[in-house]
Amino acid sequence: MALRTIITLPDPRLRNICEPVPEVDSAVRALMTDMLETMYDAPGIGLAAAQIAIPKRIIVIDVAKRKDDSASADPMVFANPEILWASEETSSYEEGCLSIPEYYEEVIRPARVRVGYLDRDNKRHEIEADGILATCLQHEIDHLNGVLFIDHISKLKRDRVIKKFQKAAKRDGSEKPDRKPGLPKDMPAA
C-alpha cells in the first residue's frame, strides 16, 4: 500500500482514454487500495486511475468520508464502470477536482444514474445513484474518458482556468493557483 502522485492540469495524460481492466486480480485490488489511500490523503471523495497516470478503467469513491471522522468511511471501488442509464432530470453541484486543485465551479449533470461495474472480487454489479454519489460517479467516469469537469462549464471559464494552470506550471512545476474566493479550505474535491 502506497500513496500515489496525483497529476494535475495541464498534464496531457489527464486527456487519455483509459483501457478496460481484463480482470480484477490481486494487482488491481492493490491498486484500488493505493487509490483509496491517495484519495483520503489528498483529501478527496473520488479518484480515477487516470489521475495517478495509470490509464486503466478504475475509480474509487467515498462520499461519506470526512477528514475528522474515520468511522464514517464507506469506500467504494469500481473496475470498468459504465453509465447504463442517466435521468433526463438534472442537478447542479459545485465540483472540484484533485487534478485541478483549489478550483471549483457549478456543473449540471443528470440527477440520477445507473452504473455497471466489476467489484473487488471481479463480480459484475449495477448501482443506481442520485445526489452527490451520482455526481461523483459521473465525474470520475469522465476522467476515464479523458474528460475533466471544466469541460462542462463555459469556454471562457475553461480557457481561463487552463491558462492559469499553464502559467503556474511554467513558473514552478509545483505551484498551485490561488483559491477561488469565499470557498472553505477543507472543501473536498472529487
N, C-alpha and C. Protein backbone atom coordinates (compact mmCIF):
# COMPACT_ATOMS: atom_id res chain seq x y z
N MET A 1 0.84 -1.18 0.00
CA MET A 1 0.00 0.00 0.00
C MET A 1 0.88 1.24 0.00
N ALA A 2 0.56 2.13 -0.94
CA ALA A 2 1.39 3.32 -1.08
C ALA A 2 0.58 4.48 -1.60
N LEU A 3 0.99 5.66 -1.18
CA LEU A 3 0.37 6.86 -1.74
C LEU A 3 0.92 7.07 -3.14
N ARG A 4 0.05 7.45 -4.05
CA ARG A 4 0.44 7.71 -5.43
C ARG A 4 0.43 9.22 -5.66
N THR A 5 1.16 9.65 -6.67
CA THR A 5 1.20 11.06 -7.04
C THR A 5 0.02 11.38 -7.95
N ILE A 6 -0.72 12.41 -7.59
CA ILE A 6 -1.85 12.85 -8.40
C ILE A 6 -1.34 13.86 -9.42
N ILE A 7 -1.58 13.59 -10.70
CA ILE A 7 -1.16 14.51 -11.74
C ILE A 7 -2.19 15.63 -11.85
N THR A 8 -1.71 16.81 -12.26
CA THR A 8 -2.60 17.97 -12.32
C THR A 8 -2.54 18.64 -13.69
N LEU A 9 -3.55 19.44 -13.94
CA LEU A 9 -3.61 20.25 -15.13
C LEU A 9 -2.33 21.09 -15.19
N PRO A 10 -1.65 21.21 -16.30
CA PRO A 10 -2.03 20.88 -17.67
C PRO A 10 -1.47 19.54 -18.17
N ASP A 11 -1.19 18.59 -17.29
CA ASP A 11 -0.62 17.30 -17.70
C ASP A 11 -1.50 16.66 -18.78
N PRO A 12 -0.95 16.39 -19.97
CA PRO A 12 -1.75 15.85 -21.07
C PRO A 12 -2.29 14.44 -20.81
N ARG A 13 -1.72 13.72 -19.84
CA ARG A 13 -2.20 12.37 -19.54
C ARG A 13 -3.62 12.38 -18.98
N LEU A 14 -4.07 13.54 -18.48
CA LEU A 14 -5.44 13.65 -17.98
C LEU A 14 -6.46 13.53 -19.11
N ARG A 15 -6.00 13.67 -20.35
CA ARG A 15 -6.89 13.59 -21.51
C ARG A 15 -6.87 12.21 -22.18
N ASN A 16 -6.09 11.29 -21.63
CA ASN A 16 -6.04 9.94 -22.19
C ASN A 16 -7.34 9.18 -21.92
N ILE A 17 -7.71 8.33 -22.86
CA ILE A 17 -8.84 7.43 -22.66
C ILE A 17 -8.29 6.13 -22.08
N CYS A 18 -8.86 5.72 -20.96
CA CYS A 18 -8.34 4.56 -20.23
C CYS A 18 -8.80 3.24 -20.83
N GLU A 19 -7.95 2.24 -20.65
CA GLU A 19 -8.22 0.88 -21.15
C GLU A 19 -8.99 0.07 -20.11
N PRO A 20 -9.89 -0.81 -20.57
CA PRO A 20 -10.60 -1.68 -19.63
C PRO A 20 -9.64 -2.61 -18.88
N VAL A 21 -10.06 -2.99 -17.70
CA VAL A 21 -9.32 -3.96 -16.89
C VAL A 21 -9.82 -5.34 -17.32
N PRO A 22 -8.92 -6.23 -17.80
CA PRO A 22 -9.39 -7.55 -18.25
C PRO A 22 -10.03 -8.36 -17.12
N GLU A 23 -9.49 -8.19 -15.91
CA GLU A 23 -9.98 -8.94 -14.75
C GLU A 23 -9.50 -8.24 -13.49
N VAL A 24 -10.31 -8.28 -12.44
CA VAL A 24 -9.90 -7.72 -11.16
C VAL A 24 -9.12 -8.81 -10.43
N ASP A 25 -7.81 -8.66 -10.47
CA ASP A 25 -6.92 -9.62 -9.82
C ASP A 25 -6.22 -8.95 -8.64
N SER A 26 -5.23 -9.61 -8.07
CA SER A 26 -4.56 -9.05 -6.88
C SER A 26 -3.85 -7.73 -7.19
N ALA A 27 -3.31 -7.58 -8.38
CA ALA A 27 -2.65 -6.33 -8.75
C ALA A 27 -3.66 -5.19 -8.83
N VAL A 28 -4.82 -5.44 -9.39
CA VAL A 28 -5.87 -4.41 -9.49
C VAL A 28 -6.38 -4.07 -8.09
N ARG A 29 -6.58 -5.09 -7.25
CA ARG A 29 -7.03 -4.83 -5.87
C ARG A 29 -6.01 -3.99 -5.11
N ALA A 30 -4.73 -4.27 -5.30
CA ALA A 30 -3.68 -3.48 -4.64
C ALA A 30 -3.72 -2.03 -5.13
N LEU A 31 -3.94 -1.85 -6.42
CA LEU A 31 -4.05 -0.51 -6.98
C LEU A 31 -5.26 0.22 -6.39
N MET A 32 -6.39 -0.47 -6.26
CA MET A 32 -7.58 0.12 -5.67
C MET A 32 -7.30 0.59 -4.24
N THR A 33 -6.58 -0.22 -3.48
CA THR A 33 -6.23 0.15 -2.11
C THR A 33 -5.34 1.39 -2.10
N ASP A 34 -4.33 1.42 -2.97
CA ASP A 34 -3.46 2.60 -3.07
C ASP A 34 -4.27 3.84 -3.46
N MET A 35 -5.20 3.66 -4.37
CA MET A 35 -6.03 4.80 -4.81
C MET A 35 -6.88 5.33 -3.67
N LEU A 36 -7.46 4.44 -2.87
CA LEU A 36 -8.24 4.90 -1.71
C LEU A 36 -7.36 5.67 -0.73
N GLU A 37 -6.18 5.15 -0.43
CA GLU A 37 -5.26 5.84 0.47
C GLU A 37 -4.90 7.22 -0.07
N THR A 38 -4.62 7.27 -1.36
CA THR A 38 -4.25 8.53 -2.01
C THR A 38 -5.40 9.52 -1.96
N MET A 39 -6.61 9.05 -2.24
CA MET A 39 -7.80 9.89 -2.20
C MET A 39 -8.03 10.45 -0.81
N TYR A 40 -7.95 9.60 0.22
CA TYR A 40 -8.16 10.05 1.59
C TYR A 40 -7.08 11.06 2.01
N ASP A 41 -5.85 10.81 1.59
CA ASP A 41 -4.75 11.67 1.97
C ASP A 41 -4.86 13.06 1.33
N ALA A 42 -5.49 13.16 0.16
CA ALA A 42 -5.49 14.40 -0.63
C ALA A 42 -6.10 15.62 0.07
N PRO A 43 -7.23 15.65 0.72
CA PRO A 43 -8.31 14.68 0.77
C PRO A 43 -9.32 14.94 -0.35
N GLY A 44 -9.97 13.86 -0.77
CA GLY A 44 -10.99 13.96 -1.80
C GLY A 44 -12.08 12.95 -1.56
N ILE A 45 -13.09 12.94 -2.44
CA ILE A 45 -14.19 11.99 -2.31
C ILE A 45 -14.24 11.03 -3.49
N GLY A 46 -13.34 11.20 -4.46
CA GLY A 46 -13.28 10.31 -5.61
C GLY A 46 -11.93 10.43 -6.28
N LEU A 47 -11.51 9.35 -6.95
CA LEU A 47 -10.25 9.36 -7.67
C LEU A 47 -10.32 8.32 -8.79
N ALA A 48 -9.85 8.71 -9.95
CA ALA A 48 -9.77 7.80 -11.09
C ALA A 48 -8.31 7.43 -11.32
N ALA A 49 -8.07 6.24 -11.82
CA ALA A 49 -6.69 5.80 -12.07
C ALA A 49 -5.97 6.76 -13.02
N ALA A 50 -6.71 7.37 -13.93
CA ALA A 50 -6.11 8.34 -14.86
C ALA A 50 -5.44 9.48 -14.10
N GLN A 51 -5.95 9.82 -12.93
CA GLN A 51 -5.41 10.93 -12.14
C GLN A 51 -4.08 10.60 -11.48
N ILE A 52 -3.73 9.32 -11.47
CA ILE A 52 -2.41 8.93 -10.96
C ILE A 52 -1.59 8.35 -12.11
N ALA A 53 -1.95 8.78 -13.32
CA ALA A 53 -1.22 8.44 -14.55
C ALA A 53 -1.23 6.96 -14.88
N ILE A 54 -2.29 6.27 -14.48
CA ILE A 54 -2.46 4.86 -14.84
C ILE A 54 -3.71 4.77 -15.72
N PRO A 55 -3.52 4.50 -17.02
CA PRO A 55 -4.64 4.54 -17.96
C PRO A 55 -5.53 3.28 -17.92
N LYS A 56 -6.04 2.98 -16.74
CA LYS A 56 -6.93 1.83 -16.54
C LYS A 56 -8.29 2.32 -16.07
N ARG A 57 -9.34 1.60 -16.42
CA ARG A 57 -10.71 2.00 -16.07
C ARG A 57 -11.04 1.56 -14.65
N ILE A 58 -10.50 2.31 -13.68
CA ILE A 58 -10.70 2.04 -12.26
C ILE A 58 -10.99 3.37 -11.57
N ILE A 59 -12.02 3.37 -10.72
CA ILE A 59 -12.30 4.54 -9.89
C ILE A 59 -12.57 4.10 -8.46
N VAL A 60 -12.33 5.00 -7.53
CA VAL A 60 -12.67 4.79 -6.13
C VAL A 60 -13.44 6.02 -5.65
N ILE A 61 -14.38 5.79 -4.75
CA ILE A 61 -15.24 6.86 -4.26
C ILE A 61 -15.55 6.61 -2.78
N ASP A 62 -15.64 7.70 -2.04
CA ASP A 62 -16.17 7.64 -0.68
C ASP A 62 -16.82 8.98 -0.37
N VAL A 63 -18.11 9.08 -0.62
CA VAL A 63 -18.81 10.34 -0.38
C VAL A 63 -19.19 10.50 1.09
N ALA A 64 -19.04 9.44 1.89
CA ALA A 64 -19.37 9.51 3.32
C ALA A 64 -18.16 9.95 4.15
N LYS A 65 -16.98 9.76 3.64
CA LYS A 65 -15.76 10.02 4.38
C LYS A 65 -15.59 11.50 4.70
N ARG A 66 -15.28 11.78 5.94
CA ARG A 66 -14.93 13.13 6.36
C ARG A 66 -13.57 13.05 7.03
N LYS A 67 -12.77 14.05 6.80
CA LYS A 67 -11.38 14.07 7.26
C LYS A 67 -11.25 13.77 8.76
N ASP A 68 -12.17 14.27 9.56
CA ASP A 68 -12.04 14.15 11.01
C ASP A 68 -12.86 13.00 11.60
N ASP A 69 -13.45 12.15 10.76
CA ASP A 69 -14.33 11.10 11.26
C ASP A 69 -14.13 9.82 10.48
N SER A 70 -13.11 9.03 10.82
CA SER A 70 -12.81 7.81 10.07
C SER A 70 -13.90 6.76 10.20
N ALA A 71 -14.74 6.86 11.23
CA ALA A 71 -15.80 5.88 11.41
C ALA A 71 -16.87 5.99 10.32
N SER A 72 -16.93 7.13 9.65
CA SER A 72 -17.97 7.31 8.63
C SER A 72 -17.53 6.87 7.24
N ALA A 73 -16.33 6.34 7.11
CA ALA A 73 -15.82 5.94 5.80
C ALA A 73 -16.69 4.85 5.18
N ASP A 74 -16.94 4.98 3.89
CA ASP A 74 -17.72 4.00 3.14
C ASP A 74 -17.09 3.86 1.75
N PRO A 75 -15.87 3.28 1.67
CA PRO A 75 -15.16 3.22 0.38
C PRO A 75 -15.86 2.31 -0.63
N MET A 76 -15.88 2.78 -1.87
CA MET A 76 -16.46 2.02 -2.97
C MET A 76 -15.41 1.95 -4.07
N VAL A 77 -15.28 0.77 -4.70
CA VAL A 77 -14.32 0.59 -5.79
C VAL A 77 -15.05 0.06 -7.02
N PHE A 78 -14.62 0.54 -8.18
CA PHE A 78 -15.30 0.20 -9.44
C PHE A 78 -14.25 -0.08 -10.51
N ALA A 79 -14.31 -1.24 -11.11
CA ALA A 79 -13.48 -1.54 -12.28
C ALA A 79 -14.41 -1.55 -13.49
N ASN A 80 -13.96 -0.96 -14.58
CA ASN A 80 -14.73 -0.87 -15.83
C ASN A 80 -16.13 -0.29 -15.62
N PRO A 81 -16.24 0.81 -14.86
CA PRO A 81 -17.57 1.39 -14.67
C PRO A 81 -18.10 1.99 -15.96
N GLU A 82 -19.40 1.83 -16.16
CA GLU A 82 -20.03 2.43 -17.34
C GLU A 82 -21.43 2.89 -16.96
N ILE A 83 -21.80 4.04 -17.47
CA ILE A 83 -23.13 4.57 -17.22
C ILE A 83 -24.10 3.86 -18.16
N LEU A 84 -25.05 3.13 -17.57
CA LEU A 84 -26.02 2.36 -18.33
C LEU A 84 -27.28 3.17 -18.60
N TRP A 85 -27.56 4.12 -17.71
CA TRP A 85 -28.75 4.95 -17.84
C TRP A 85 -28.53 6.24 -17.06
N ALA A 86 -29.06 7.33 -17.59
CA ALA A 86 -29.00 8.62 -16.90
C ALA A 86 -30.36 9.29 -17.03
N SER A 87 -30.79 9.92 -15.96
CA SER A 87 -32.10 10.58 -15.96
C SER A 87 -32.08 11.84 -16.83
N GLU A 88 -33.24 12.22 -17.29
CA GLU A 88 -33.37 13.48 -18.01
C GLU A 88 -33.33 14.65 -17.03
N GLU A 89 -33.79 14.38 -15.82
CA GLU A 89 -33.75 15.39 -14.76
C GLU A 89 -32.29 15.69 -14.43
N THR A 90 -31.97 16.95 -14.20
CA THR A 90 -30.59 17.33 -13.89
C THR A 90 -30.49 17.90 -12.49
N SER A 91 -29.25 17.99 -12.03
CA SER A 91 -28.95 18.66 -10.76
C SER A 91 -27.64 19.42 -10.93
N SER A 92 -27.44 20.38 -10.08
CA SER A 92 -26.24 21.20 -10.15
C SER A 92 -25.47 21.08 -8.84
N TYR A 93 -24.17 20.81 -8.94
CA TYR A 93 -23.30 20.75 -7.77
C TYR A 93 -22.06 21.56 -8.05
N GLU A 94 -21.51 22.15 -7.01
CA GLU A 94 -20.21 22.81 -7.14
C GLU A 94 -19.16 21.70 -7.06
N GLU A 95 -18.47 21.49 -8.16
CA GLU A 95 -17.48 20.42 -8.24
C GLU A 95 -16.07 20.98 -8.11
N GLY A 96 -15.21 20.13 -7.61
CA GLY A 96 -13.78 20.39 -7.58
C GLY A 96 -13.10 19.12 -8.05
N CYS A 97 -11.80 19.17 -8.19
CA CYS A 97 -11.07 18.01 -8.70
C CYS A 97 -9.66 18.01 -8.14
N LEU A 98 -9.20 16.86 -7.71
CA LEU A 98 -7.84 16.75 -7.19
C LEU A 98 -6.79 17.06 -8.25
N SER A 99 -7.16 16.93 -9.52
CA SER A 99 -6.24 17.23 -10.61
C SER A 99 -6.33 18.69 -11.08
N ILE A 100 -7.26 19.42 -10.52
CA ILE A 100 -7.38 20.86 -10.78
C ILE A 100 -7.53 21.49 -9.39
N PRO A 101 -6.46 21.47 -8.59
CA PRO A 101 -6.56 21.84 -7.18
C PRO A 101 -7.09 23.26 -6.95
N GLU A 102 -7.93 23.33 -5.94
CA GLU A 102 -8.44 24.59 -5.43
C GLU A 102 -9.23 25.41 -6.44
N TYR A 103 -9.84 24.75 -7.41
CA TYR A 103 -10.73 25.42 -8.35
C TYR A 103 -12.07 24.70 -8.30
N TYR A 104 -13.15 25.47 -8.14
CA TYR A 104 -14.49 24.91 -8.00
C TYR A 104 -15.44 25.65 -8.93
N GLU A 105 -16.40 24.92 -9.46
CA GLU A 105 -17.36 25.54 -10.37
C GLU A 105 -18.64 24.72 -10.37
N GLU A 106 -19.77 25.38 -10.58
CA GLU A 106 -21.06 24.71 -10.69
C GLU A 106 -21.11 23.90 -11.99
N VAL A 107 -21.54 22.64 -11.89
CA VAL A 107 -21.66 21.77 -13.06
C VAL A 107 -23.05 21.13 -13.02
N ILE A 108 -23.70 21.12 -14.18
CA ILE A 108 -25.02 20.49 -14.30
C ILE A 108 -24.84 19.12 -14.94
N ARG A 109 -25.39 18.10 -14.26
CA ARG A 109 -25.31 16.72 -14.74
C ARG A 109 -26.65 16.04 -14.52
N PRO A 110 -26.85 14.85 -15.11
CA PRO A 110 -28.07 14.10 -14.79
C PRO A 110 -28.16 13.86 -13.28
N ALA A 111 -29.37 13.97 -12.75
CA ALA A 111 -29.59 13.84 -11.30
C ALA A 111 -29.43 12.40 -10.81
N ARG A 112 -29.74 11.42 -11.69
CA ARG A 112 -29.65 10.01 -11.30
C ARG A 112 -28.97 9.22 -12.42
N VAL A 113 -28.23 8.20 -12.02
CA VAL A 113 -27.58 7.32 -12.99
C VAL A 113 -27.62 5.88 -12.51
N ARG A 114 -27.52 4.97 -13.46
CA ARG A 114 -27.31 3.55 -13.15
C ARG A 114 -25.97 3.19 -13.77
N VAL A 115 -25.10 2.59 -12.97
CA VAL A 115 -23.74 2.27 -13.40
C VAL A 115 -23.48 0.78 -13.23
N GLY A 116 -22.93 0.17 -14.28
CA GLY A 116 -22.49 -1.22 -14.21
C GLY A 116 -20.99 -1.24 -13.97
N TYR A 117 -20.51 -2.23 -13.23
CA TYR A 117 -19.08 -2.29 -12.89
C TYR A 117 -18.70 -3.66 -12.35
N LEU A 118 -17.39 -3.88 -12.23
CA LEU A 118 -16.85 -5.06 -11.55
C LEU A 118 -16.38 -4.64 -10.17
N ASP A 119 -16.63 -5.49 -9.15
CA ASP A 119 -16.18 -5.18 -7.79
C ASP A 119 -14.79 -5.77 -7.52
N ARG A 120 -14.34 -5.71 -6.28
CA ARG A 120 -13.01 -6.22 -5.88
C ARG A 120 -12.86 -7.72 -6.15
N ASP A 121 -13.98 -8.42 -6.21
CA ASP A 121 -13.96 -9.87 -6.43
C ASP A 121 -14.24 -10.25 -7.87
N ASN A 122 -14.17 -9.26 -8.78
CA ASN A 122 -14.39 -9.48 -10.21
C ASN A 122 -15.83 -9.89 -10.51
N LYS A 123 -16.76 -9.52 -9.64
CA LYS A 123 -18.17 -9.82 -9.85
C LYS A 123 -18.86 -8.58 -10.44
N ARG A 124 -19.76 -8.82 -11.38
CA ARG A 124 -20.50 -7.74 -12.06
C ARG A 124 -21.64 -7.26 -11.17
N HIS A 125 -21.79 -5.94 -11.07
CA HIS A 125 -22.86 -5.32 -10.29
C HIS A 125 -23.41 -4.13 -11.04
N GLU A 126 -24.57 -3.67 -10.59
CA GLU A 126 -25.13 -2.40 -11.02
C GLU A 126 -25.52 -1.63 -9.78
N ILE A 127 -25.35 -0.32 -9.85
CA ILE A 127 -25.74 0.54 -8.75
C ILE A 127 -26.53 1.70 -9.33
N GLU A 128 -27.62 2.06 -8.66
CA GLU A 128 -28.37 3.24 -9.06
C GLU A 128 -28.07 4.30 -8.01
N ALA A 129 -27.76 5.51 -8.48
CA ALA A 129 -27.33 6.55 -7.56
C ALA A 129 -27.98 7.88 -7.89
N ASP A 130 -28.13 8.70 -6.85
CA ASP A 130 -28.58 10.07 -7.03
C ASP A 130 -27.74 10.95 -6.11
N GLY A 131 -28.02 12.24 -6.10
CA GLY A 131 -27.30 13.15 -5.22
C GLY A 131 -25.81 13.21 -5.52
N ILE A 132 -25.04 13.39 -4.47
CA ILE A 132 -23.59 13.56 -4.62
C ILE A 132 -22.93 12.30 -5.17
N LEU A 133 -23.47 11.11 -4.86
CA LEU A 133 -22.89 9.88 -5.40
C LEU A 133 -23.05 9.84 -6.92
N ALA A 134 -24.20 10.22 -7.43
CA ALA A 134 -24.40 10.25 -8.89
C ALA A 134 -23.44 11.23 -9.54
N THR A 135 -23.28 12.39 -8.94
CA THR A 135 -22.36 13.40 -9.47
C THR A 135 -20.93 12.88 -9.46
N CYS A 136 -20.53 12.28 -8.35
CA CYS A 136 -19.15 11.77 -8.23
C CYS A 136 -18.89 10.64 -9.22
N LEU A 137 -19.84 9.73 -9.37
CA LEU A 137 -19.67 8.65 -10.36
C LEU A 137 -19.47 9.22 -11.75
N GLN A 138 -20.30 10.19 -12.14
CA GLN A 138 -20.17 10.78 -13.47
C GLN A 138 -18.84 11.52 -13.63
N HIS A 139 -18.44 12.24 -12.59
CA HIS A 139 -17.17 12.98 -12.61
C HIS A 139 -16.00 12.03 -12.81
N GLU A 140 -15.96 10.95 -12.05
CA GLU A 140 -14.83 10.01 -12.12
C GLU A 140 -14.86 9.21 -13.43
N ILE A 141 -16.03 8.81 -13.89
CA ILE A 141 -16.12 8.09 -15.17
C ILE A 141 -15.68 9.01 -16.30
N ASP A 142 -16.01 10.29 -16.20
CA ASP A 142 -15.50 11.26 -17.18
C ASP A 142 -13.97 11.19 -17.28
N HIS A 143 -13.29 11.13 -16.13
CA HIS A 143 -11.82 11.04 -16.13
C HIS A 143 -11.33 9.86 -16.98
N LEU A 144 -12.04 8.75 -16.91
CA LEU A 144 -11.63 7.55 -17.66
C LEU A 144 -11.75 7.76 -19.16
N ASN A 145 -12.53 8.77 -19.54
CA ASN A 145 -12.73 9.09 -20.96
C ASN A 145 -11.99 10.36 -21.37
N GLY A 146 -11.06 10.81 -20.53
CA GLY A 146 -10.27 11.99 -20.86
C GLY A 146 -11.03 13.30 -20.74
N VAL A 147 -12.13 13.29 -19.99
CA VAL A 147 -12.96 14.48 -19.82
C VAL A 147 -12.79 15.01 -18.40
N LEU A 148 -12.62 16.33 -18.29
CA LEU A 148 -12.48 16.98 -17.00
C LEU A 148 -13.76 17.77 -16.69
N PHE A 149 -14.00 18.04 -15.40
CA PHE A 149 -15.23 18.75 -15.06
C PHE A 149 -15.28 20.14 -15.69
N ILE A 150 -14.14 20.72 -15.97
CA ILE A 150 -14.13 22.04 -16.61
C ILE A 150 -14.63 21.98 -18.05
N ASP A 151 -14.72 20.79 -18.62
CA ASP A 151 -15.29 20.65 -19.96
C ASP A 151 -16.80 20.85 -19.96
N HIS A 152 -17.40 20.88 -18.76
CA HIS A 152 -18.84 21.06 -18.62
C HIS A 152 -19.21 22.51 -18.28
N ILE A 153 -18.23 23.41 -18.27
CA ILE A 153 -18.50 24.82 -17.98
C ILE A 153 -18.28 25.63 -19.25
N SER A 154 -18.51 26.93 -19.18
CA SER A 154 -18.37 27.76 -20.38
C SER A 154 -16.94 27.77 -20.89
N LYS A 155 -16.80 27.98 -22.18
CA LYS A 155 -15.47 28.01 -22.80
C LYS A 155 -14.62 29.12 -22.20
N LEU A 156 -15.20 30.24 -21.92
CA LEU A 156 -14.46 31.36 -21.33
C LEU A 156 -13.86 30.97 -19.97
N LYS A 157 -14.68 30.40 -19.09
CA LYS A 157 -14.19 29.98 -17.77
C LYS A 157 -13.14 28.88 -17.91
N ARG A 158 -13.40 27.91 -18.80
CA ARG A 158 -12.46 26.81 -19.01
C ARG A 158 -11.12 27.34 -19.50
N ASP A 159 -11.14 28.21 -20.49
CA ASP A 159 -9.88 28.77 -21.02
C ASP A 159 -9.12 29.52 -19.95
N ARG A 160 -9.83 30.25 -19.09
CA ARG A 160 -9.15 30.99 -18.01
C ARG A 160 -8.44 30.05 -17.03
N VAL A 161 -9.14 28.98 -16.61
CA VAL A 161 -8.52 28.08 -15.63
C VAL A 161 -7.35 27.32 -16.26
N ILE A 162 -7.48 26.92 -17.51
CA ILE A 162 -6.39 26.21 -18.19
C ILE A 162 -5.17 27.12 -18.28
N LYS A 163 -5.39 28.36 -18.68
CA LYS A 163 -4.29 29.33 -18.80
C LYS A 163 -3.61 29.56 -17.45
N LYS A 164 -4.41 29.65 -16.39
CA LYS A 164 -3.87 29.85 -15.04
C LYS A 164 -2.96 28.70 -14.64
N PHE A 165 -3.39 27.47 -14.92
CA PHE A 165 -2.58 26.30 -14.56
C PHE A 165 -1.35 26.17 -15.46
N GLN A 166 -1.47 26.55 -16.72
CA GLN A 166 -0.31 26.53 -17.61
C GLN A 166 0.74 27.51 -17.15
N LYS A 167 0.33 28.71 -16.75
CA LYS A 167 1.28 29.72 -16.24
C LYS A 167 1.96 29.23 -14.97
N ALA A 168 1.18 28.65 -14.07
CA ALA A 168 1.75 28.14 -12.82
C ALA A 168 2.76 27.02 -13.10
N ALA A 169 2.46 26.16 -14.07
CA ALA A 169 3.37 25.06 -14.40
C ALA A 169 4.67 25.60 -15.00
N LYS A 170 4.58 26.67 -15.78
CA LYS A 170 5.78 27.26 -16.38
C LYS A 170 6.65 27.93 -15.32
N ARG A 171 6.00 28.63 -14.36
CA ARG A 171 6.74 29.32 -13.30
C ARG A 171 7.52 28.35 -12.43
N ASP A 172 6.78 27.36 -11.93
CA ASP A 172 7.36 26.42 -10.97
C ASP A 172 6.47 25.20 -10.96
N GLY A 173 6.93 24.09 -11.43
CA GLY A 173 6.12 22.89 -11.59
C GLY A 173 5.26 22.53 -10.40
N SER A 174 5.55 23.04 -9.21
CA SER A 174 4.76 22.65 -8.04
C SER A 174 3.80 23.74 -7.59
N GLU A 175 3.82 24.92 -8.20
CA GLU A 175 2.93 26.00 -7.77
C GLU A 175 1.49 25.70 -8.12
N LYS A 176 0.60 26.12 -7.25
CA LYS A 176 -0.82 25.94 -7.47
C LYS A 176 -1.47 27.32 -7.57
N PRO A 177 -2.56 27.45 -8.33
CA PRO A 177 -3.22 28.75 -8.45
C PRO A 177 -3.90 29.16 -7.16
N ASP A 178 -4.24 30.44 -7.08
CA ASP A 178 -4.95 30.95 -5.90
C ASP A 178 -6.30 30.27 -5.77
N ARG A 179 -6.80 30.21 -4.54
CA ARG A 179 -8.13 29.65 -4.28
C ARG A 179 -9.20 30.56 -4.86
N LYS A 180 -10.31 29.97 -5.20
CA LYS A 180 -11.47 30.77 -5.59
C LYS A 180 -11.97 31.44 -4.31
N PRO A 181 -12.15 32.75 -4.30
CA PRO A 181 -12.55 33.45 -3.08
C PRO A 181 -13.85 32.90 -2.49
N GLY A 182 -13.89 32.88 -1.17
CA GLY A 182 -15.12 32.54 -0.47
C GLY A 182 -15.37 31.07 -0.25
N LEU A 183 -14.48 30.18 -0.71
CA LEU A 183 -14.71 28.75 -0.51
C LEU A 183 -13.92 28.26 0.69
N PRO A 184 -14.49 27.35 1.49
CA PRO A 184 -13.77 26.84 2.64
C PRO A 184 -12.54 26.05 2.22
N LYS A 185 -11.49 26.14 3.03
CA LYS A 185 -10.23 25.47 2.70
C LYS A 185 -10.35 23.95 2.72
N ASP A 186 -11.28 23.42 3.52
CA ASP A 186 -11.38 21.96 3.62
C ASP A 186 -12.47 21.37 2.74
N MET A 187 -12.96 22.13 1.74
CA MET A 187 -13.97 21.60 0.82
C MET A 187 -13.39 20.43 0.05
N PRO A 188 -14.03 19.26 0.08
CA PRO A 188 -13.48 18.10 -0.63
C PRO A 188 -13.58 18.25 -2.14
N ALA A 189 -12.61 17.69 -2.81
CA ALA A 189 -12.61 17.67 -4.28
C ALA A 189 -12.75 16.23 -4.72
N ALA A 190 -13.35 16.02 -5.86
CA ALA A 190 -13.52 14.66 -6.39
C ALA A 190 -12.36 14.32 -7.28
